[in-house]
Protein backbone atom coordinates (compact mmCIF):
# COMPACT_ATOMS: atom_id res chain seq x y z
CA MET A 1 -27.51 -3.32 -28.17
CA SER A 2 -27.81 -2.31 -24.56
CA ALA A 3 -24.84 -1.48 -22.40
CA ILE A 4 -24.11 -3.86 -19.57
CA LEU A 5 -23.51 -2.09 -16.31
CA GLN A 6 -21.20 -3.68 -13.81
CA ALA A 7 -20.95 -2.85 -10.16
CA PRO A 8 -17.58 -1.40 -9.16
CA ARG A 9 -15.16 -3.96 -7.77
CA PRO A 10 -14.69 -3.72 -4.02
CA THR A 11 -11.39 -2.22 -2.96
CA THR A 12 -9.01 -4.68 -1.37
CA LEU A 13 -7.63 -3.26 1.87
CA LEU A 14 -4.42 -4.49 3.47
CA THR A 15 -3.05 -3.99 6.96
CA ALA A 16 0.57 -3.23 7.77
CA ALA A 17 0.89 -6.86 8.89
CA ASP A 18 -0.37 -7.99 5.46
CA LEU A 19 2.30 -5.89 3.75
CA ALA A 20 5.02 -7.16 6.07
CA SER A 21 4.05 -10.73 5.27
CA GLU A 22 3.83 -10.10 1.53
CA PHE A 23 7.24 -8.42 1.31
CA HIS A 24 8.95 -10.62 3.92
CA VAL A 25 9.92 -7.69 6.13
CA THR A 26 9.17 -6.82 9.73
CA LEU A 27 6.18 -4.77 10.79
CA SER A 28 8.54 -2.03 11.96
CA THR A 29 10.00 -1.82 8.43
CA VAL A 30 6.54 -1.20 6.98
CA ARG A 31 5.92 1.48 9.61
CA SER A 32 9.28 3.04 8.78
CA TRP A 33 8.41 3.19 5.06
CA ARG A 34 5.22 5.03 5.91
CA LEU A 35 6.60 7.41 8.51
CA LYS A 36 10.02 8.45 7.30
CA GLY A 37 10.53 6.96 3.89
CA LEU A 38 13.44 4.90 2.70
CA GLU A 39 16.89 6.32 1.99
CA GLY A 40 15.63 9.82 2.79
CA LYS A 41 12.79 9.66 0.26
CA PRO A 42 9.63 10.78 2.03
CA GLY A 43 6.58 8.80 1.13
CA TYR A 44 8.59 5.88 -0.24
CA GLY A 45 6.04 3.36 0.93
CA PRO A 46 2.45 3.05 -0.24
CA VAL A 47 -0.08 5.66 0.85
CA GLY A 48 -1.87 4.52 3.97
CA PHE A 49 -4.88 5.90 5.79
CA THR A 50 -6.20 5.41 9.27
CA VAL A 51 -9.50 3.98 10.37
CA GLY A 52 -9.61 4.46 14.10
CA ARG A 53 -6.17 3.34 15.27
CA ARG A 54 -5.58 1.03 12.34
CA VAL A 55 -3.53 1.92 9.25
CA LEU A 56 -4.86 0.42 6.03
CA TYR A 57 -3.51 0.36 2.50
CA ARG A 58 -5.44 0.03 -0.76
CA ARG A 59 -4.14 -2.77 -2.99
CA SER A 60 -4.12 -0.32 -5.92
CA ASP A 61 -1.86 2.09 -3.94
CA VAL A 62 0.52 -0.75 -3.05
CA ASP A 63 0.73 -1.82 -6.71
CA ALA A 64 1.30 1.80 -7.81
CA CYS A 65 4.08 2.18 -5.23
CA ILE A 66 5.78 -0.96 -6.50
CA ALA A 67 5.59 0.29 -10.09
CA THR A 68 6.95 3.72 -9.12
CA ASN A 69 9.83 2.40 -7.03
CA SER A 70 10.93 -0.54 -9.17
CA GLY A 71 14.67 -0.42 -9.72
CA THR A 72 15.38 2.35 -7.17
CA ARG A 73 17.64 0.21 -4.97
């Protein structure tokens, strides 16, 4: 039997506006999560990276952040 090779799935990238819409919060809240954390916890929000002037988030990082922070409030 031969192994079937599959191409890696493309990474889904989200903007800060996408996150704000998904979590029903303002854009400034998403920025706050990234810049200063929530309740004094640095890095509370998902890891973001910049491309030019735009901050993007990987779907996998957002999902990991949700799993890590579930039940912290």
